[in-house]
Every structure is written in structure tokens, then in C-alpha cells.
N, C-alpha and C. Protein backbone atom coordinates (compact mmCIF):
# COMPACT_ATOMS: atom_id res chain seq x y z
N MET A 1 1.03 -0.80 -0.02
CA MET A 1 0.25 0.00 -0.26
C MET A 1 1.03 0.73 0.04
N ALA A 2 2.20 1.20 1.27
CA ALA A 2 2.98 2.63 0.81
C ALA A 2 3.43 3.01 -0.36
N GLY A 3 3.46 1.54 -1.59
CA GLY A 3 4.00 1.99 -2.70
C GLY A 3 2.55 2.54 -3.69
N ASP A 4 1.79 1.95 -3.18
CA ASP A 4 0.94 3.03 -4.45
C ASP A 4 0.58 4.51 -3.70
N ASP A 5 0.94 4.67 -2.67
CA ASP A 5 0.43 5.71 -2.39
C ASP A 5 1.27 7.02 -2.52
N THR A 6 3.21 6.18 -2.60
CA THR A 6 4.23 7.11 -3.05
C THR A 6 3.75 7.14 -5.05
N LEU A 7 3.43 5.96 -5.68
CA LEU A 7 3.47 6.64 -6.98
C LEU A 7 1.93 7.08 -7.29
N ALA A 8 0.66 6.93 -6.11
CA ALA A 8 0.14 8.08 -6.51
C ALA A 8 -0.01 9.63 -6.58
N LYS A 9 0.78 9.56 -5.07
CA LYS A 9 1.66 11.12 -5.20
C LYS A 9 2.90 11.39 -6.22
N ALA A 10 3.62 10.50 -6.74
CA ALA A 10 4.09 10.93 -8.38
C ALA A 10 3.11 11.24 -9.05
N LEU A 11 2.27 10.60 -9.44
CA LEU A 11 1.20 10.86 -10.98
C LEU A 11 0.78 12.85 -10.26
N ALA A 12 0.32 12.75 -9.50
CA ALA A 12 -0.04 13.77 -8.59
C ALA A 12 0.51 15.38 -8.85
N ASP A 13 2.11 14.41 -8.45
CA ASP A 13 2.72 15.75 -9.17
C ASP A 13 3.79 15.73 -10.42
N VAL A 14 3.82 15.11 -11.35
CA VAL A 14 3.67 15.22 -12.62
C VAL A 14 2.57 15.24 -13.29
N ARG A 15 1.38 15.70 -12.97
CA ARG A 15 0.44 15.96 -13.64
C ARG A 15 0.08 17.29 -13.26
N GLN A 16 0.47 18.35 -12.07
CA GLN A 16 0.73 19.37 -11.73
C GLN A 16 1.70 20.12 -12.30
N ARG A 17 2.44 19.33 -12.12
CA ARG A 17 4.52 19.97 -13.22
C ARG A 17 3.94 20.48 -14.85
N ARG A 18 3.35 19.37 -15.31
CA ARG A 18 2.72 19.08 -16.74
C ARG A 18 1.45 19.73 -16.85
N ALA A 19 0.55 20.24 -15.78
CA ALA A 19 -0.30 21.75 -16.08
C ALA A 19 0.68 23.05 -16.02
N ASP A 20 1.68 23.01 -14.94
CA ASP A 20 2.63 23.96 -14.97
C ASP A 20 3.06 24.79 -16.21
N LEU A 21 3.63 23.59 -16.76
CA LEU A 21 4.55 24.05 -17.92
C LEU A 21 3.72 24.06 -19.37
N GLN A 22 1.88 23.65 -19.36
CA GLN A 22 1.40 23.84 -20.36
C GLN A 22 0.60 25.39 -20.50
N ALA A 23 1.11 26.09 -18.65
CA ALA A 23 0.57 27.38 -18.82
C ALA A 23 1.49 28.20 -19.19
N ASP A 24 2.91 27.69 -18.88
CA ASP A 24 3.96 28.30 -19.58
C ASP A 24 3.96 28.62 -21.10
N TYR A 25 3.64 27.03 -21.41
CA TYR A 25 4.01 27.62 -22.67
C TYR A 25 3.20 28.43 -23.23
N GLU A 26 1.78 27.93 -23.09
CA GLU A 26 0.52 28.99 -23.55
C GLU A 26 1.01 30.56 -23.64
N ARG A 27 1.45 30.93 -22.09
CA ARG A 27 1.62 32.67 -21.96
C ARG A 27 3.26 32.42 -23.08
N ILE A 28 3.61 31.84 -22.70
CA ILE A 28 4.92 32.00 -23.90
C ILE A 28 5.09 32.03 -25.27
N THR A 29 3.82 31.32 -26.18
CA THR A 29 3.55 31.30 -27.52
C THR A 29 2.93 32.42 -27.82
N THR A 30 1.29 32.95 -26.50
CA THR A 30 1.23 34.36 -27.14
C THR A 30 2.29 35.18 -27.40
N GLU A 31 3.25 35.37 -25.86
CA GLU A 31 3.98 36.64 -25.99
C GLU A 31 4.92 36.37 -27.09
N LEU A 32 5.24 35.05 -27.83
CA LEU A 32 6.04 35.20 -28.88
C LEU A 32 5.38 35.87 -30.30
N ASN A 33 4.10 35.22 -30.17
CA ASN A 33 3.06 36.06 -31.16
C ASN A 33 3.09 37.57 -31.60
N LYS A 34 2.83 38.12 -30.44
CA LYS A 34 2.69 39.18 -30.21
C LYS A 34 4.37 39.95 -30.44
N LEU A 35 5.64 39.19 -30.15
CA LEU A 35 6.56 39.92 -30.68
C LEU A 35 6.81 39.62 -32.08
N ARG A 36 6.42 38.53 -32.65
CA ARG A 36 6.35 38.35 -34.19
C ARG A 36 5.99 39.38 -34.60
N SER A 37 4.47 39.61 -34.61
CA SER A 37 3.97 41.14 -34.99
C SER A 37 4.27 41.77 -34.56
N ALA A 38 5.13 42.46 -33.53
CA ALA A 38 5.75 43.94 -33.88
C ALA A 38 7.08 43.95 -34.35
N GLU A 39 7.86 42.50 -34.51
CA GLU A 39 8.52 42.85 -35.87
C GLU A 39 8.59 42.88 -36.80
N ARG A 40 7.62 42.03 -37.46
CA ARG A 40 7.02 42.40 -38.72
C ARG A 40 6.62 44.08 -38.67
N SER A 41 5.89 44.55 -38.21
CA SER A 41 5.51 45.73 -38.11
C SER A 41 6.59 46.72 -38.25
N LEU A 42 7.45 46.32 -36.93
CA LEU A 42 8.98 47.57 -37.73
C LEU A 42 9.50 47.22 -38.71
N ALA A 43 10.02 45.93 -39.21
CA ALA A 43 10.26 45.36 -40.34
C ALA A 43 10.21 46.42 -41.55
N VAL A 44 8.62 46.54 -41.57
CA VAL A 44 7.94 47.18 -42.70
C VAL A 44 8.58 48.60 -42.56
N ILE A 45 8.31 49.50 -41.13
CA ILE A 45 8.64 50.87 -40.90
C ILE A 45 10.11 51.16 -41.53
N VAL A 46 10.94 50.08 -40.60
CA VAL A 46 12.55 50.84 -40.73
C VAL A 46 13.04 49.63 -42.13
N GLU A 47 12.49 48.80 -42.84
CA GLU A 47 13.54 48.29 -43.74
C GLU A 47 12.76 48.33 -45.36
N GLY A 48 11.65 49.20 -44.90
CA GLY A 48 10.00 49.43 -46.07
C GLY A 48 9.84 48.16 -46.87
N ALA A 49 10.10 46.97 -46.25
CA ALA A 49 9.39 46.07 -46.57
C ALA A 49 7.90 45.82 -47.15
N ALA A 50 7.56 45.49 -47.82
CA ALA A 50 6.29 44.71 -47.51
C ALA A 50 5.47 44.09 -47.15
N PRO A 51 4.54 43.88 -46.38
CA PRO A 51 3.96 43.01 -45.34
C PRO A 51 4.09 41.15 -45.74
N GLU A 52 4.35 41.11 -47.43
CA GLU A 52 4.04 39.34 -47.56
C GLU A 52 5.34 39.60 -47.50
N GLU A 53 6.40 40.63 -47.58
CA GLU A 53 7.89 40.13 -47.37
C GLU A 53 8.73 39.74 -45.96
N THR A 54 7.10 39.99 -44.68
CA THR A 54 7.90 40.66 -43.76
C THR A 54 6.62 39.16 -42.95
N GLY A 55 6.21 37.85 -43.45
CA GLY A 55 5.19 37.18 -42.93
C GLY A 55 4.04 37.58 -41.91
N ALA A 56 3.58 38.55 -43.20
CA ALA A 56 2.03 39.37 -42.20
C ALA A 56 1.22 38.13 -42.32
N PHE A 57 1.28 36.82 -42.48
CA PHE A 57 0.53 36.05 -42.03
C PHE A 57 0.98 35.61 -40.53
N PRO A 58 0.23 35.20 -39.28
CA PRO A 58 0.71 34.70 -37.53
C PRO A 58 1.03 33.08 -38.22
N GLY A 59 2.42 32.97 -37.55
CA GLY A 59 2.52 31.47 -37.83
C GLY A 59 3.03 31.09 -39.28
N SER A 60 3.59 32.02 -40.16
CA SER A 60 3.96 31.73 -41.76
C SER A 60 5.06 31.76 -41.13
N GLU A 61 5.58 31.95 -41.01
CA GLU A 61 7.49 32.28 -40.47
C GLU A 61 8.00 31.76 -39.59
N THR A 62 9.76 31.01 -40.07
CA THR A 62 9.83 30.20 -38.40
C THR A 62 11.08 31.67 -37.89
N PRO A 63 11.80 31.31 -37.20
CA PRO A 63 12.05 32.55 -35.82
C PRO A 63 13.52 33.13 -37.28
N ASN A 64 14.08 32.14 -38.32
CA ASN A 64 15.23 32.91 -39.09
C ASN A 64 15.12 32.79 -40.12
N GLU A 65 13.52 32.76 -40.74
CA GLU A 65 13.40 32.98 -41.87
C GLU A 65 13.49 34.44 -42.60
N THR A 66 13.25 34.47 -41.87
CA THR A 66 13.25 36.86 -42.36
C THR A 66 14.61 36.93 -42.67
N SER A 67 15.54 36.78 -41.65
CA SER A 67 17.00 36.83 -41.83
C SER A 67 17.66 36.16 -43.08
N ALA A 68 16.83 34.64 -43.62
CA ALA A 68 17.56 33.95 -44.76
C ALA A 68 17.14 34.34 -46.28
N ARG A 69 15.88 35.35 -45.92
CA ARG A 69 15.70 36.01 -47.13
C ARG A 69 16.32 37.04 -47.73
N PRO A 70 16.42 37.63 -48.60
CA PRO A 70 17.62 38.38 -49.40
C PRO A 70 16.49 40.07 -48.87
N ARG A 71 17.12 40.81 -48.87
CA ARG A 71 16.71 41.77 -48.85
C ARG A 71 17.05 43.33 -49.45
N ARG A 72 15.81 44.15 -49.45
CA ARG A 72 15.70 44.70 -50.77
C ARG A 72 16.97 45.84 -50.53
N THR A 73 17.81 45.95 -52.10
CA THR A 73 18.90 46.91 -51.95
C THR A 73 18.28 48.01 -51.99
N THR A 74 17.30 48.79 -52.33
CA THR A 74 17.24 50.56 -52.34
C THR A 74 16.14 50.26 -51.31
N GLY A 75 16.15 51.64 -51.64
CA GLY A 75 15.84 52.46 -49.90
C GLY A 75 14.77 53.46 -50.42
N ARG A 76 14.06 53.90 -49.61
CA ARG A 76 12.73 55.20 -50.18
C ARG A 76 13.62 56.10 -50.86
N GLY A 77 14.45 56.82 -50.33
CA GLY A 77 14.61 57.87 -50.53
C GLY A 77 14.11 58.75 -50.36
N SER A 78 14.16 59.91 -51.80
CA SER A 78 12.96 61.31 -51.76
C SER A 78 11.54 60.99 -52.28
N ARG A 79 11.61 59.65 -52.78
CA ARG A 79 10.56 59.05 -53.76
C ARG A 79 8.75 59.16 -52.57
N GLY A 80 9.41 59.12 -51.53
CA GLY A 80 8.16 58.85 -50.07
C GLY A 80 7.94 57.44 -50.56
N PRO A 81 7.15 57.45 -50.09
CA PRO A 81 6.22 55.72 -49.33
C PRO A 81 5.86 54.94 -50.56
N ARG A 82 6.36 53.65 -50.68
CA ARG A 82 5.91 52.89 -51.75
C ARG A 82 4.31 52.69 -50.86
N THR A 83 4.03 52.49 -52.33
CA THR A 83 2.26 51.91 -52.52
C THR A 83 1.67 50.85 -51.57
N ASN A 84 3.00 50.06 -51.91
CA ASN A 84 2.33 48.80 -51.04
C ASN A 84 3.23 48.56 -49.36
N SER A 85 3.54 49.76 -48.98
CA SER A 85 4.09 49.64 -47.50
C SER A 85 2.84 50.24 -47.02
N ALA A 86 3.09 49.83 -45.39
CA ALA A 86 1.64 50.69 -44.46
C ALA A 86 1.03 51.93 -45.01
N LYS A 87 2.88 52.77 -44.72
CA LYS A 87 2.26 54.38 -45.10
C LYS A 87 1.99 54.25 -46.56
N GLY A 88 2.76 54.21 -47.16
CA GLY A 88 1.67 54.16 -48.59
C GLY A 88 0.36 53.74 -48.86
N ARG A 89 0.04 53.18 -48.41
CA ARG A 89 -1.28 52.48 -48.29
C ARG A 89 -2.24 53.67 -46.98
N LEU A 90 -2.07 53.83 -46.09
CA LEU A 90 -2.51 54.97 -46.03
C LEU A 90 -2.88 56.26 -46.39
N LYS A 91 -1.56 56.66 -47.17
CA LYS A 91 -1.35 57.63 -47.75
C LYS A 91 -2.65 57.62 -48.74
N ALA A 92 -2.58 57.00 -49.96
CA ALA A 92 -3.63 56.43 -50.93
C ALA A 92 -5.09 56.20 -49.85
N LEU A 93 -5.06 55.75 -49.09
CA LEU A 93 -6.02 55.38 -48.03
C LEU A 93 -7.16 56.87 -48.03
N LEU A 94 -6.37 57.72 -47.67
CA LEU A 94 -6.75 58.74 -46.98
C LEU A 94 -7.47 59.95 -48.36
N GLU A 95 -6.49 59.26 -49.29
CA GLU A 95 -6.40 59.88 -50.86
C GLU A 95 -7.66 59.75 -51.49
N GLU A 96 -8.43 58.64 -51.18
CA GLU A 96 -9.47 58.48 -51.68
C GLU A 96 -10.19 58.52 -50.98
N THR A 97 -10.96 59.04 -49.82
CA THR A 97 -11.91 59.33 -48.80
C THR A 97 -12.11 60.86 -49.64
N GLY A 98 -11.55 61.51 -49.75
CA GLY A 98 -11.96 62.76 -49.97
C GLY A 98 -11.83 63.36 -49.00
N PRO A 99 -12.66 64.83 -48.77
CA PRO A 99 -12.85 65.57 -47.92
C PRO A 99 -13.55 65.38 -46.34
N GLN A 100 -14.15 64.27 -46.45
CA GLN A 100 -15.30 64.00 -45.77
C GLN A 100 -14.07 63.39 -44.72
N GLY A 101 -12.80 62.45 -44.70
CA GLY A 101 -12.06 61.86 -44.11
C GLY A 101 -12.23 60.26 -43.64
N LEU A 102 -11.27 60.05 -42.51
CA LEU A 102 -12.24 58.67 -41.97
C LEU A 102 -11.49 58.67 -40.81
N SER A 103 -12.32 57.89 -39.60
CA SER A 103 -11.75 57.79 -38.06
C SER A 103 -10.93 57.03 -38.59
N HIS A 104 -10.29 56.91 -36.85
CA HIS A 104 -8.57 56.13 -36.43
C HIS A 104 -9.85 54.84 -37.16
N ALA A 105 -10.97 54.75 -35.78
CA ALA A 105 -11.43 52.84 -36.62
C ALA A 105 -11.60 52.43 -37.60
N GLU A 106 -12.15 53.19 -38.48
CA GLU A 106 -12.66 52.84 -39.89
C GLU A 106 -10.79 52.99 -40.68
N ILE A 107 -10.34 53.38 -39.81
CA ILE A 107 -8.40 53.07 -41.22
C ILE A 107 -8.45 52.01 -40.48
N GLU A 108 -8.70 51.67 -38.87
CA GLU A 108 -8.30 50.43 -38.50
C GLU A 108 -9.01 49.27 -39.29
N GLN A 109 -10.10 49.20 -39.44
CA GLN A 109 -10.58 48.73 -40.50
C GLN A 109 -10.51 48.04 -41.78
N ARG A 110 -9.89 49.27 -42.27
CA ARG A 110 -9.44 49.29 -43.76
C ARG A 110 -8.09 48.17 -44.14
N LEU A 111 -7.09 48.83 -42.95
CA LEU A 111 -5.86 47.89 -43.15
C LEU A 111 -5.81 47.41 -41.93
N PRO A 112 -6.34 46.07 -41.88
CA PRO A 112 -6.22 45.43 -40.68
C PRO A 112 -5.09 44.69 -40.45
N ASP A 113 -4.04 44.57 -41.27
CA ASP A 113 -2.43 43.87 -41.07
C ASP A 113 -1.89 45.28 -40.37
N VAL A 114 -2.36 46.11 -40.36
CA VAL A 114 -0.93 47.32 -39.14
C VAL A 114 -1.74 47.48 -38.20
N ALA A 115 -0.89 47.53 -37.50
CA ALA A 115 -1.16 47.54 -36.13
C ALA A 115 -1.28 49.03 -35.85
N SER A 116 -2.17 48.88 -34.33
CA SER A 116 -2.66 50.44 -34.29
C SER A 116 -1.60 50.98 -33.69
N ASN A 117 -0.56 50.82 -33.08
CA ASN A 117 0.24 51.66 -32.96
C ASN A 117 1.22 51.98 -34.00
N THR A 118 1.00 50.95 -34.79
CA THR A 118 2.07 51.91 -36.09
C THR A 118 1.33 52.77 -36.82
N LEU A 119 -0.25 52.61 -36.88
CA LEU A 119 -1.03 53.68 -37.41
C LEU A 119 -1.52 54.99 -36.76
N ASN A 120 -1.22 55.32 -35.20
CA ASN A 120 -0.82 55.96 -34.98
C ASN A 120 -0.03 56.76 -35.06
N THR A 121 1.02 55.85 -34.78
CA THR A 121 2.30 57.12 -35.72
C THR A 121 2.56 57.42 -35.97
N TYR A 122 2.54 56.38 -37.50
CA TYR A 122 2.55 57.04 -38.87
C TYR A 122 1.18 58.03 -38.92
N LEU A 123 -0.38 58.07 -38.82
CA LEU A 123 -1.07 59.71 -38.81
C LEU A 123 -0.36 60.58 -37.94
N SER A 124 0.25 60.04 -37.12
CA SER A 124 0.84 61.53 -35.94
C SER A 124 2.41 62.14 -37.16
N MET A 125 2.90 61.29 -37.61
CA MET A 125 3.95 61.73 -38.74
C MET A 125 3.56 62.61 -39.63
N MET A 126 2.12 61.86 -40.16
CA MET A 126 1.44 62.46 -41.76
C MET A 126 0.94 64.06 -41.23
N VAL A 127 0.55 64.19 -39.83
CA VAL A 127 -0.24 65.21 -39.52
C VAL A 127 1.31 66.57 -39.29
N THR A 128 1.91 66.14 -39.04
CA THR A 128 3.07 66.71 -38.62
C THR A 128 4.00 67.34 -39.74
N GLY A 129 3.76 66.13 -40.62
CA GLY A 129 4.61 66.69 -42.37
C GLY A 129 3.59 67.26 -43.16
N GLY A 130 2.74 67.68 -42.53
CA GLY A 130 1.55 68.27 -43.77
C GLY A 130 1.07 67.26 -44.70
N GLU A 131 1.08 65.75 -44.84
CA GLU A 131 0.54 64.75 -45.00
C GLU A 131 -0.39 64.93 -45.69
N ALA A 132 -1.68 65.40 -43.75
CA ALA A 132 -2.57 64.77 -43.86
C ALA A 132 -2.81 66.04 -42.61
N VAL A 133 -4.43 66.13 -42.88
CA VAL A 133 -4.99 67.13 -41.55
C VAL A 133 -5.70 66.43 -41.00
N ARG A 134 -6.01 66.77 -39.62
CA ARG A 134 -6.95 66.15 -38.64
C ARG A 134 -7.46 67.32 -38.46
N ARG A 135 -9.52 66.99 -38.60
CA ARG A 135 -10.88 67.50 -38.25
C ARG A 135 -11.45 67.02 -37.15
N GLY A 136 -10.91 67.01 -36.12
CA GLY A 136 -11.78 66.54 -35.13
C GLY A 136 -11.40 64.91 -35.01
N ASP A 137 -12.37 64.34 -35.13
CA ASP A 137 -11.69 62.66 -34.93
C ASP A 137 -11.79 62.52 -36.52
N PHE A 138 -11.48 63.09 -37.23
CA PHE A 138 -11.17 62.14 -38.91
C PHE A 138 -9.81 62.93 -39.49
N TYR A 139 -9.21 61.91 -40.11
CA TYR A 139 -8.06 62.57 -41.05
C TYR A 139 -8.44 62.57 -42.40
N VAL A 140 -7.71 63.71 -43.32
CA VAL A 140 -7.52 63.48 -44.56
C VAL A 140 -6.31 64.05 -45.30
N ALA A 141 -6.33 63.34 -46.26
CA ALA A 141 -5.02 63.68 -46.84
C ALA A 141 -4.56 65.04 -47.80
N ALA A 142 -3.62 65.56 -46.81
CA ALA A 142 -3.39 67.27 -46.97
C ALA A 142 -3.78 67.32 -48.68
N ALA A 143 -4.36 68.66 -48.73
CA ALA A 143 -4.08 69.27 -50.49
C ALA A 143 -2.79 69.52 -50.70
N PRO A 144 -2.62 68.52 -51.81
CA PRO A 144 -1.54 68.84 -53.03
C PRO A 144 -0.33 70.59 -52.79
N ALA A 145 0.43 70.70 -51.83
CA ALA A 145 0.94 71.96 -52.68
C ALA A 145 1.25 72.65 -54.34
N SER A 146 1.41 73.13 -54.81
CA SER A 146 1.78 73.60 -55.96
C SER A 146 2.97 73.00 -56.58
N GLY A 147 3.88 73.19 -55.96
CA GLY A 147 5.11 73.41 -55.99
C GLY A 147 5.81 71.78 -55.28
N ASP A 148 5.06 70.55 -55.21
CA ASP A 148 5.15 69.37 -54.75
C ASP A 148 6.01 68.79 -55.79
N GLU A 149 6.93 67.80 -56.28
CA GLU A 149 7.37 66.95 -57.35
C GLU A 149 7.73 65.99 -56.77
N ALA A 150 6.69 65.11 -58.05
CA ALA A 150 6.61 64.06 -57.47
C ALA A 150 7.32 63.27 -57.87
N GLY A 151 7.68 61.62 -57.52
CA GLY A 151 8.52 61.22 -57.96
C GLY A 151 8.17 59.96 -58.37
N PRO A 152 9.67 58.99 -58.96
CA PRO A 152 9.12 58.00 -60.14
C PRO A 152 7.50 56.97 -59.48
N ASP A 153 7.81 56.68 -58.06
CA ASP A 153 6.75 55.78 -58.43
C ASP A 153 5.53 56.78 -57.47
N ASP A 154 5.58 57.87 -57.67
CA ASP A 154 4.36 59.16 -57.54
C ASP A 154 3.68 59.34 -58.82
N GLU A 155 4.31 58.80 -59.92
CA GLU A 155 4.06 59.97 -60.92
C GLU A 155 2.66 59.64 -61.68
N ALA A 156 2.74 57.75 -61.17
CA ALA A 156 1.09 57.50 -62.04
C ALA A 156 0.05 57.47 -61.06
N ASP A 157 0.58 57.95 -59.96
CA ASP A 157 -0.32 58.07 -58.99
C ASP A 157 -1.22 59.39 -59.17
N ALA A 158 0.21 60.25 -59.51
CA ALA A 158 -0.61 61.84 -59.45
C ALA A 158 -0.96 61.94 -61.20
N ASP A 159 -1.28 60.93 -62.24
CA ASP A 159 -1.68 60.88 -63.83
C ASP A 159 -2.85 60.69 -62.97
N GLU A 160 -2.86 59.10 -62.40
CA GLU A 160 -4.55 58.93 -62.25
C GLU A 160 -5.22 60.28 -60.94
N GLY A 161 -4.98 61.11 -60.27
CA GLY A 161 -4.98 61.75 -59.75
C GLY A 161 -5.70 63.04 -60.60
N SER A 162 -5.06 63.56 -61.68
CA SER A 162 -5.10 64.45 -62.33
C SER A 162 -6.32 63.94 -63.32
N GLU A 163 -6.42 62.41 -63.53
CA GLU A 163 -7.57 62.57 -64.82
C GLU A 163 -8.70 62.23 -63.67
N SER A 164 -8.95 61.70 -62.39
CA SER A 164 -9.98 61.55 -61.72
C SER A 164 -10.79 63.28 -61.31
N GLY A 165 -9.51 63.98 -61.07
CA GLY A 165 -10.08 65.64 -61.09
C GLY A 165 -9.75 65.62 -59.38
N ALA A 166 -9.14 64.95 -58.57
CA ALA A 166 -8.63 64.68 -57.39
C ALA A 166 -7.06 65.92 -57.69
């Protein structure tokens, strides 16, 4: 009987340790997913990489997968944001909305792959830099100044804008 009691205690101890480790595993997995998401968002900002290149979908990459891929060698330079970057898509979205603008919640709905903090940062930078205007709770694209120079990536957008009367 003493052997059965010892085995029962050992079984209970093993089950408790397994439950504790399982809880730790779930906590660490959640934290790891948050860090991966933050890493992807920051990579888009810092490296100018498209979300597809940084593994925009959870679990789509292994920890060393992004370092194994070749990085873009061209920077944004004076041409401004690319249309496939988060900032470029945000800018295009604001330009499409016209004078009514969009609220922060509407922007988040239309750009679900961009982290909320990233949107806050871009919106703040765009308002400060004169690329966007905040009207109450709504954001609109700033009217282009007459002396703006269009870069190579922006020429097609400028042509489309002049055809549509924007």
C-alpha cells in the first residue's frame, strides 16, 4: 500500500508540473506571437519591406526565416512611401476618401494588417509633416502644394489623380 501511495503522489506531482508547464507554454506562445507581429510591423517601417515579405500572417514564418531572405537593396529615398508599404497604403486610403476623411477606427478596419500603434505613429507623422490633416476625429489627405515634385513611384498616382479631378 505504501508503494501505491507513493505512485499516486508521483502521478499527482507529474500532472501538476505538466499543467504548470502547459500554462507557461501558452503564455510564452502568446508573447512570442505578439513579438513576431511587432517585429513584422517594425520591419515594414524600418526596412520598407512589403508585409508579404515580412510574413504578415501569424505562424507563416520560422524565427530565422526573415534573416535568410534577401533584403531589398533600394531605399525609399526622396520618393516617399511605396504604395505597398503601410504608410503608402494609408496615404492612398486618405486620398481616396476625399474631403469627408476617415476616423481612426475606420482606418483600422480598412488596414487590418497594420498594428494600431503603427497607424498612430504614421498618422501623427503625416499630420506633423503636412501630408494629412486632422479634423476632429477624422483624418484627410492634405491638399498637394503647387510646387510638389512627384517621384518615379508617385508619377502614376499623380496622373491618375489629375484624370479623376482630385
